[in-house]
Amino acid sequence: MPTSRRRSSSSSRADKSAVRRAVAAFALPLAMWSAGSAAADAAQPPARQLALVRMVRHDCGACHGMRLTGGLGPALTPQALADKPLDSMVAAVVNGRPGTPMPPWRAMLDEAEARWIVEQLMRGFPELDRQVSAGVAR
């Protein structure tokens, strides 16, 4: 009897260990993704958010239209960006698009700031006049 109890106990420990590993393998990347997404949104202090809103509305608006609905460059509305991968859009902001008028902005923005801008564009970019009176971007 003690032998079968030992096997059962050892087998049960192995099963529990396998379940823990499987949960950890799934939960860790999920937690990292969630934290990264929330961190990117909160990473920009209010004063920098306001500066980024101004930059997009004035500098990007020169080519993409003052309402970001298109011009020399394509529209930057949530509808126009819906099927675009976030990382690809961030890379386009940071590195520009060779062979097009889209310049690289890496001298003015770091990747986290570019990601914040793209995330805001995908949600619907804040209006400058509302943000100036409120003092921060959403």
N, C-alpha and C. Protein backbone atom coordinates (compact mmCIF):
# COMPACT_ATOMS: atom_id res chain seq x y z
N MET A 1 0.80 -1.20 0.00
CA MET A 1 0.00 0.00 0.00
C MET A 1 0.85 1.27 0.00
N PRO A 2 1.88 1.36 0.81
CA PRO A 2 2.68 2.57 0.79
C PRO A 2 3.29 2.84 -0.56
N THR A 3 3.62 1.80 -1.35
CA THR A 3 4.21 1.99 -2.66
C THR A 3 3.24 2.69 -3.60
N SER A 4 1.98 2.24 -3.64
CA SER A 4 1.02 2.87 -4.54
C SER A 4 0.72 4.31 -4.11
N ARG A 5 0.72 4.57 -2.82
CA ARG A 5 0.48 5.93 -2.35
C ARG A 5 1.63 6.84 -2.79
N ARG A 6 2.84 6.33 -2.75
CA ARG A 6 4.00 7.11 -3.16
C ARG A 6 3.92 7.45 -4.64
N ARG A 7 3.55 6.47 -5.46
CA ARG A 7 3.43 6.72 -6.90
C ARG A 7 2.34 7.76 -7.17
N SER A 8 1.22 7.61 -6.51
CA SER A 8 0.12 8.54 -6.71
C SER A 8 0.52 9.95 -6.30
N SER A 9 1.20 10.06 -5.17
CA SER A 9 1.64 11.37 -4.70
C SER A 9 2.66 11.98 -5.65
N SER A 10 3.59 11.19 -6.10
CA SER A 10 4.62 11.67 -7.02
C SER A 10 4.00 12.06 -8.36
N SER A 11 3.06 11.27 -8.83
CA SER A 11 2.38 11.58 -10.08
C SER A 11 1.56 12.86 -9.95
N SER A 12 0.91 13.03 -8.81
CA SER A 12 0.11 14.22 -8.57
C SER A 12 0.99 15.47 -8.54
N ARG A 13 2.16 15.38 -7.92
CA ARG A 13 3.08 16.52 -7.90
C ARG A 13 3.54 16.87 -9.30
N ALA A 14 3.83 15.88 -10.10
CA ALA A 14 4.27 16.12 -11.48
C ALA A 14 3.16 16.79 -12.29
N ASP A 15 1.91 16.32 -12.08
CA ASP A 15 0.78 16.93 -12.78
C ASP A 15 0.60 18.39 -12.38
N LYS A 16 0.69 18.66 -11.08
CA LYS A 16 0.54 20.03 -10.60
C LYS A 16 1.66 20.91 -11.14
N SER A 17 2.86 20.36 -11.18
CA SER A 17 4.00 21.12 -11.69
C SER A 17 3.80 21.44 -13.18
N ALA A 18 3.31 20.49 -13.94
CA ALA A 18 3.07 20.70 -15.37
C ALA A 18 1.99 21.77 -15.57
N VAL A 19 0.95 21.73 -14.75
CA VAL A 19 -0.12 22.72 -14.85
C VAL A 19 0.43 24.11 -14.53
N ARG A 20 1.25 24.21 -13.47
CA ARG A 20 1.84 25.51 -13.12
C ARG A 20 2.69 26.05 -14.25
N ARG A 21 3.49 25.18 -14.87
CA ARG A 21 4.33 25.63 -15.99
C ARG A 21 3.47 26.11 -17.16
N ALA A 22 2.41 25.39 -17.45
CA ALA A 22 1.53 25.77 -18.56
C ALA A 22 0.85 27.12 -18.28
N VAL A 23 0.39 27.31 -17.06
CA VAL A 23 -0.26 28.58 -16.70
C VAL A 23 0.75 29.71 -16.78
N ALA A 24 1.96 29.48 -16.26
CA ALA A 24 2.99 30.52 -16.30
C ALA A 24 3.36 30.87 -17.74
N ALA A 25 3.44 29.86 -18.60
CA ALA A 25 3.80 30.10 -20.00
C ALA A 25 2.76 30.96 -20.70
N PHE A 26 1.51 30.85 -20.30
CA PHE A 26 0.45 31.65 -20.90
C PHE A 26 0.29 32.99 -20.19
N ALA A 27 0.33 32.99 -18.86
CA ALA A 27 0.02 34.18 -18.09
C ALA A 27 1.12 35.24 -18.17
N LEU A 28 2.37 34.84 -18.18
CA LEU A 28 3.45 35.82 -18.20
C LEU A 28 3.42 36.70 -19.45
N PRO A 29 3.36 36.13 -20.65
CA PRO A 29 3.28 37.01 -21.83
C PRO A 29 2.02 37.89 -21.83
N LEU A 30 0.91 37.34 -21.35
CA LEU A 30 -0.32 38.12 -21.29
C LEU A 30 -0.17 39.30 -20.34
N ALA A 31 0.42 39.06 -19.17
CA ALA A 31 0.63 40.13 -18.20
C ALA A 31 1.59 41.18 -18.75
N MET A 32 2.64 40.74 -19.42
CA MET A 32 3.61 41.68 -19.99
C MET A 32 2.95 42.53 -21.07
N TRP A 33 2.11 41.92 -21.91
CA TRP A 33 1.42 42.67 -22.96
C TRP A 33 0.50 43.71 -22.34
N SER A 34 -0.28 43.30 -21.33
CA SER A 34 -1.21 44.23 -20.68
C SER A 34 -0.47 45.37 -20.02
N ALA A 35 0.60 45.08 -19.31
CA ALA A 35 1.37 46.11 -18.63
C ALA A 35 2.01 47.05 -19.64
N GLY A 36 2.53 46.51 -20.73
CA GLY A 36 3.16 47.35 -21.75
C GLY A 36 2.18 48.30 -22.38
N SER A 37 0.98 47.82 -22.64
CA SER A 37 -0.05 48.66 -23.24
C SER A 37 -0.46 49.80 -22.31
N ALA A 38 -0.68 49.47 -21.05
CA ALA A 38 -1.06 50.51 -20.08
C ALA A 38 0.10 51.46 -19.83
N ALA A 39 1.31 50.92 -19.78
CA ALA A 39 2.49 51.76 -19.52
C ALA A 39 2.70 52.75 -20.66
N ALA A 40 2.49 52.33 -21.88
CA ALA A 40 2.68 53.23 -23.02
C ALA A 40 1.72 54.41 -22.94
N ASP A 41 0.50 54.15 -22.49
CA ASP A 41 -0.48 55.21 -22.39
C ASP A 41 -0.14 56.20 -21.28
N ALA A 42 0.36 55.68 -20.16
CA ALA A 42 0.65 56.54 -19.02
C ALA A 42 2.08 57.07 -19.03
N ALA A 43 2.89 56.63 -19.96
CA ALA A 43 4.32 56.96 -19.94
C ALA A 43 4.59 58.43 -20.23
N GLN A 44 3.71 59.11 -20.89
CA GLN A 44 3.94 60.51 -21.26
C GLN A 44 3.30 61.43 -20.23
N PRO A 45 4.11 62.25 -19.57
CA PRO A 45 3.54 63.21 -18.62
C PRO A 45 2.62 64.21 -19.34
N PRO A 46 1.69 64.81 -18.62
CA PRO A 46 0.72 65.72 -19.26
C PRO A 46 1.35 66.82 -20.10
N ALA A 47 2.42 67.42 -19.63
CA ALA A 47 3.06 68.50 -20.40
C ALA A 47 3.61 67.97 -21.72
N ARG A 48 4.19 66.77 -21.70
CA ARG A 48 4.72 66.20 -22.94
C ARG A 48 3.58 65.79 -23.86
N GLN A 49 2.50 65.26 -23.30
CA GLN A 49 1.34 64.92 -24.12
C GLN A 49 0.86 66.15 -24.88
N LEU A 50 0.78 67.27 -24.19
CA LEU A 50 0.33 68.51 -24.83
C LEU A 50 1.28 68.91 -25.95
N ALA A 51 2.59 68.80 -25.70
CA ALA A 51 3.58 69.13 -26.74
C ALA A 51 3.44 68.19 -27.94
N LEU A 52 3.18 66.92 -27.67
CA LEU A 52 3.01 65.95 -28.77
C LEU A 52 1.73 66.23 -29.56
N VAL A 53 0.67 66.61 -28.88
CA VAL A 53 -0.57 66.97 -29.58
C VAL A 53 -0.32 68.17 -30.48
N ARG A 54 0.36 69.18 -29.95
CA ARG A 54 0.68 70.36 -30.77
C ARG A 54 1.52 69.97 -31.98
N MET A 55 2.54 69.12 -31.76
CA MET A 55 3.41 68.71 -32.87
C MET A 55 2.60 68.00 -33.95
N VAL A 56 1.76 67.06 -33.55
CA VAL A 56 0.98 66.33 -34.55
C VAL A 56 0.03 67.27 -35.28
N ARG A 57 -0.67 68.09 -34.54
CA ARG A 57 -1.64 69.00 -35.16
C ARG A 57 -0.97 69.98 -36.12
N HIS A 58 0.21 70.47 -35.78
CA HIS A 58 0.88 71.46 -36.64
C HIS A 58 1.82 70.82 -37.64
N ASP A 59 2.77 70.03 -37.18
CA ASP A 59 3.78 69.47 -38.09
C ASP A 59 3.23 68.36 -38.96
N CYS A 60 2.57 67.38 -38.35
CA CYS A 60 2.01 66.28 -39.15
C CYS A 60 0.85 66.78 -40.00
N GLY A 61 0.08 67.73 -39.41
CA GLY A 61 -1.06 68.29 -40.12
C GLY A 61 -0.68 69.01 -41.41
N ALA A 62 0.57 69.46 -41.50
CA ALA A 62 1.00 70.14 -42.73
C ALA A 62 0.91 69.21 -43.94
N CYS A 63 1.17 67.94 -43.74
CA CYS A 63 1.08 66.98 -44.85
C CYS A 63 -0.17 66.11 -44.80
N HIS A 64 -0.61 65.77 -43.59
CA HIS A 64 -1.74 64.86 -43.44
C HIS A 64 -3.07 65.59 -43.29
N GLY A 65 -3.04 66.90 -43.45
CA GLY A 65 -4.25 67.71 -43.33
C GLY A 65 -4.43 68.18 -41.90
N MET A 66 -4.86 69.40 -41.72
CA MET A 66 -5.00 69.98 -40.38
C MET A 66 -6.00 69.20 -39.53
N ARG A 67 -6.93 68.52 -40.15
CA ARG A 67 -7.88 67.66 -39.41
C ARG A 67 -7.45 66.19 -39.50
N LEU A 68 -6.25 65.97 -40.04
CA LEU A 68 -5.66 64.63 -40.19
C LEU A 68 -6.50 63.72 -41.09
N THR A 69 -7.24 64.33 -42.00
CA THR A 69 -8.09 63.56 -42.91
C THR A 69 -7.44 63.34 -44.27
N GLY A 70 -6.17 63.70 -44.39
CA GLY A 70 -5.43 63.45 -45.62
C GLY A 70 -5.07 64.73 -46.34
N GLY A 71 -4.05 64.65 -47.14
CA GLY A 71 -3.53 65.77 -47.91
C GLY A 71 -2.43 65.19 -48.78
N LEU A 72 -1.23 65.73 -48.65
CA LEU A 72 -0.07 65.13 -49.33
C LEU A 72 0.14 63.71 -48.80
N GLY A 73 -0.03 63.54 -47.50
CA GLY A 73 0.05 62.22 -46.86
C GLY A 73 -1.34 61.65 -46.65
N PRO A 74 -1.42 60.37 -46.33
CA PRO A 74 -2.74 59.73 -46.14
C PRO A 74 -3.43 60.22 -44.87
N ALA A 75 -4.72 59.93 -44.78
CA ALA A 75 -5.51 60.26 -43.60
C ALA A 75 -4.96 59.49 -42.39
N LEU A 76 -5.03 60.12 -41.22
CA LEU A 76 -4.59 59.50 -39.96
C LEU A 76 -5.76 59.37 -38.99
N THR A 77 -6.91 59.04 -39.53
CA THR A 77 -8.11 58.86 -38.72
C THR A 77 -8.19 57.41 -38.24
N PRO A 78 -8.96 57.15 -37.19
CA PRO A 78 -9.10 55.76 -36.73
C PRO A 78 -9.59 54.82 -37.84
N GLN A 79 -10.48 55.31 -38.68
CA GLN A 79 -10.99 54.47 -39.77
C GLN A 79 -9.88 54.13 -40.77
N ALA A 80 -9.05 55.11 -41.10
CA ALA A 80 -7.98 54.89 -42.07
C ALA A 80 -6.87 53.99 -41.50
N LEU A 81 -6.70 54.01 -40.18
CA LEU A 81 -5.62 53.24 -39.55
C LEU A 81 -6.08 51.90 -39.00
N ALA A 82 -7.35 51.61 -39.09
CA ALA A 82 -7.92 50.41 -38.44
C ALA A 82 -7.22 49.12 -38.82
N ASP A 83 -6.79 48.97 -40.06
CA ASP A 83 -6.18 47.70 -40.48
C ASP A 83 -4.65 47.75 -40.48
N LYS A 84 -4.08 48.81 -39.94
CA LYS A 84 -2.62 48.96 -39.93
C LYS A 84 -2.04 48.42 -38.63
N PRO A 85 -0.94 47.67 -38.70
CA PRO A 85 -0.32 47.16 -37.46
C PRO A 85 0.33 48.31 -36.68
N LEU A 86 0.12 48.33 -35.39
CA LEU A 86 0.65 49.38 -34.52
C LEU A 86 2.17 49.52 -34.67
N ASP A 87 2.89 48.41 -34.59
CA ASP A 87 4.36 48.48 -34.68
C ASP A 87 4.84 49.04 -36.01
N SER A 88 4.13 48.73 -37.07
CA SER A 88 4.49 49.24 -38.39
C SER A 88 4.30 50.76 -38.45
N MET A 89 3.22 51.24 -37.85
CA MET A 89 2.96 52.68 -37.82
C MET A 89 4.01 53.40 -36.97
N VAL A 90 4.38 52.82 -35.84
CA VAL A 90 5.40 53.42 -34.99
C VAL A 90 6.72 53.51 -35.75
N ALA A 91 7.07 52.44 -36.45
CA ALA A 91 8.32 52.43 -37.24
C ALA A 91 8.27 53.50 -38.32
N ALA A 92 7.12 53.70 -38.95
CA ALA A 92 7.00 54.73 -39.99
C ALA A 92 7.21 56.13 -39.40
N VAL A 93 6.72 56.37 -38.20
CA VAL A 93 6.91 57.67 -37.57
C VAL A 93 8.38 57.87 -37.21
N VAL A 94 8.98 56.88 -36.59
CA VAL A 94 10.37 57.00 -36.14
C VAL A 94 11.35 57.05 -37.31
N ASN A 95 11.16 56.17 -38.30
CA ASN A 95 12.14 56.01 -39.38
C ASN A 95 11.76 56.67 -40.69
N GLY A 96 10.54 57.18 -40.79
CA GLY A 96 10.08 57.72 -42.05
C GLY A 96 9.72 56.59 -43.01
N ARG A 97 9.39 56.98 -44.24
CA ARG A 97 9.07 55.99 -45.28
C ARG A 97 9.89 56.32 -46.51
N PRO A 98 11.00 55.60 -46.69
CA PRO A 98 11.86 55.89 -47.85
C PRO A 98 11.08 55.86 -49.16
N GLY A 99 11.41 56.78 -50.04
CA GLY A 99 10.73 56.85 -51.33
C GLY A 99 9.43 57.64 -51.28
N THR A 100 9.10 58.17 -50.12
CA THR A 100 7.89 59.00 -49.97
C THR A 100 8.31 60.30 -49.27
N PRO A 101 7.41 61.28 -49.22
CA PRO A 101 7.75 62.51 -48.50
C PRO A 101 7.78 62.35 -46.97
N MET A 102 7.40 61.19 -46.43
CA MET A 102 7.35 61.00 -44.98
C MET A 102 8.76 60.96 -44.39
N PRO A 103 9.12 61.99 -43.61
CA PRO A 103 10.47 62.05 -43.03
C PRO A 103 10.55 61.23 -41.74
N PRO A 104 11.77 60.88 -41.34
CA PRO A 104 11.93 60.25 -40.02
C PRO A 104 11.81 61.32 -38.93
N TRP A 105 11.18 60.97 -37.83
CA TRP A 105 11.00 61.90 -36.71
C TRP A 105 11.86 61.52 -35.51
N ARG A 106 12.82 60.61 -35.70
CA ARG A 106 13.62 60.13 -34.57
C ARG A 106 14.42 61.23 -33.89
N ALA A 107 14.72 62.32 -34.57
CA ALA A 107 15.44 63.42 -33.94
C ALA A 107 14.53 64.20 -32.97
N MET A 108 13.22 64.09 -33.15
CA MET A 108 12.26 64.83 -32.33
C MET A 108 11.52 63.95 -31.32
N LEU A 109 11.45 62.63 -31.62
CA LEU A 109 10.64 61.71 -30.82
C LEU A 109 11.42 60.45 -30.50
N ASP A 110 11.19 59.90 -29.33
CA ASP A 110 11.72 58.55 -29.10
C ASP A 110 10.61 57.56 -29.44
N GLU A 111 10.92 56.29 -29.38
CA GLU A 111 9.94 55.28 -29.80
C GLU A 111 8.70 55.28 -28.91
N ALA A 112 8.86 55.49 -27.62
CA ALA A 112 7.70 55.52 -26.71
C ALA A 112 6.76 56.68 -27.06
N GLU A 113 7.32 57.82 -27.41
CA GLU A 113 6.49 58.96 -27.80
C GLU A 113 5.78 58.69 -29.13
N ALA A 114 6.50 58.07 -30.07
CA ALA A 114 5.88 57.72 -31.35
C ALA A 114 4.74 56.72 -31.12
N ARG A 115 4.96 55.77 -30.23
CA ARG A 115 3.91 54.77 -29.92
C ARG A 115 2.70 55.48 -29.31
N TRP A 116 2.92 56.42 -28.40
CA TRP A 116 1.82 57.15 -27.78
C TRP A 116 1.02 57.88 -28.86
N ILE A 117 1.72 58.54 -29.78
CA ILE A 117 1.05 59.27 -30.86
C ILE A 117 0.20 58.32 -31.70
N VAL A 118 0.78 57.19 -32.12
CA VAL A 118 0.04 56.25 -32.97
C VAL A 118 -1.17 55.69 -32.22
N GLU A 119 -1.00 55.36 -30.93
CA GLU A 119 -2.14 54.86 -30.16
C GLU A 119 -3.25 55.91 -30.09
N GLN A 120 -2.87 57.18 -29.92
CA GLN A 120 -3.88 58.25 -29.89
C GLN A 120 -4.55 58.39 -31.26
N LEU A 121 -3.77 58.32 -32.33
CA LEU A 121 -4.35 58.41 -33.68
C LEU A 121 -5.35 57.28 -33.91
N MET A 122 -5.03 56.09 -33.43
CA MET A 122 -5.92 54.95 -33.65
C MET A 122 -7.21 55.07 -32.84
N ARG A 123 -7.19 55.85 -31.78
CA ARG A 123 -8.39 56.08 -30.96
C ARG A 123 -9.19 57.29 -31.43
N GLY A 124 -8.52 58.19 -32.11
CA GLY A 124 -9.12 59.47 -32.48
C GLY A 124 -8.30 60.55 -31.80
N PHE A 125 -7.48 61.24 -32.56
CA PHE A 125 -6.49 62.14 -31.98
C PHE A 125 -7.15 63.33 -31.29
N PRO A 126 -6.62 63.73 -30.12
CA PRO A 126 -7.21 64.87 -29.40
C PRO A 126 -7.15 66.16 -30.21
N GLU A 127 -8.16 66.97 -30.06
CA GLU A 127 -8.18 68.29 -30.67
C GLU A 127 -7.28 69.20 -29.84
N LEU A 128 -6.54 70.05 -30.49
CA LEU A 128 -5.61 70.93 -29.79
C LEU A 128 -6.33 71.95 -28.92
N ASP A 129 -7.38 72.56 -29.43
CA ASP A 129 -8.04 73.62 -28.66
C ASP A 129 -8.63 73.09 -27.35
N ARG A 130 -9.22 71.91 -27.36
CA ARG A 130 -9.75 71.32 -26.12
C ARG A 130 -8.62 70.99 -25.17
N GLN A 131 -7.52 70.51 -25.72
CA GLN A 131 -6.40 70.10 -24.87
C GLN A 131 -5.71 71.29 -24.24
N VAL A 132 -5.61 72.40 -24.96
CA VAL A 132 -4.97 73.59 -24.40
C VAL A 132 -5.78 74.08 -23.21
N SER A 133 -7.10 74.11 -23.34
CA SER A 133 -7.92 74.59 -22.23
C SER A 133 -7.90 73.61 -21.06
N ALA A 134 -7.82 72.31 -21.35
CA ALA A 134 -7.77 71.31 -20.28
C ALA A 134 -6.36 71.15 -19.72
N GLY A 135 -5.36 71.48 -20.53
CA GLY A 135 -3.98 71.39 -20.07
C GLY A 135 -3.33 70.05 -20.31
N VAL A 136 -4.06 69.05 -20.75
CA VAL A 136 -3.48 67.72 -21.00
C VAL A 136 -4.21 67.03 -22.13
N ALA A 137 -3.51 66.05 -22.72
CA ALA A 137 -4.15 65.20 -23.74
C ALA A 137 -4.80 64.03 -23.03
N ARG A 138 -5.74 63.41 -23.69
CA ARG A 138 -6.37 62.24 -23.05
C ARG A 138 -5.48 61.04 -23.15
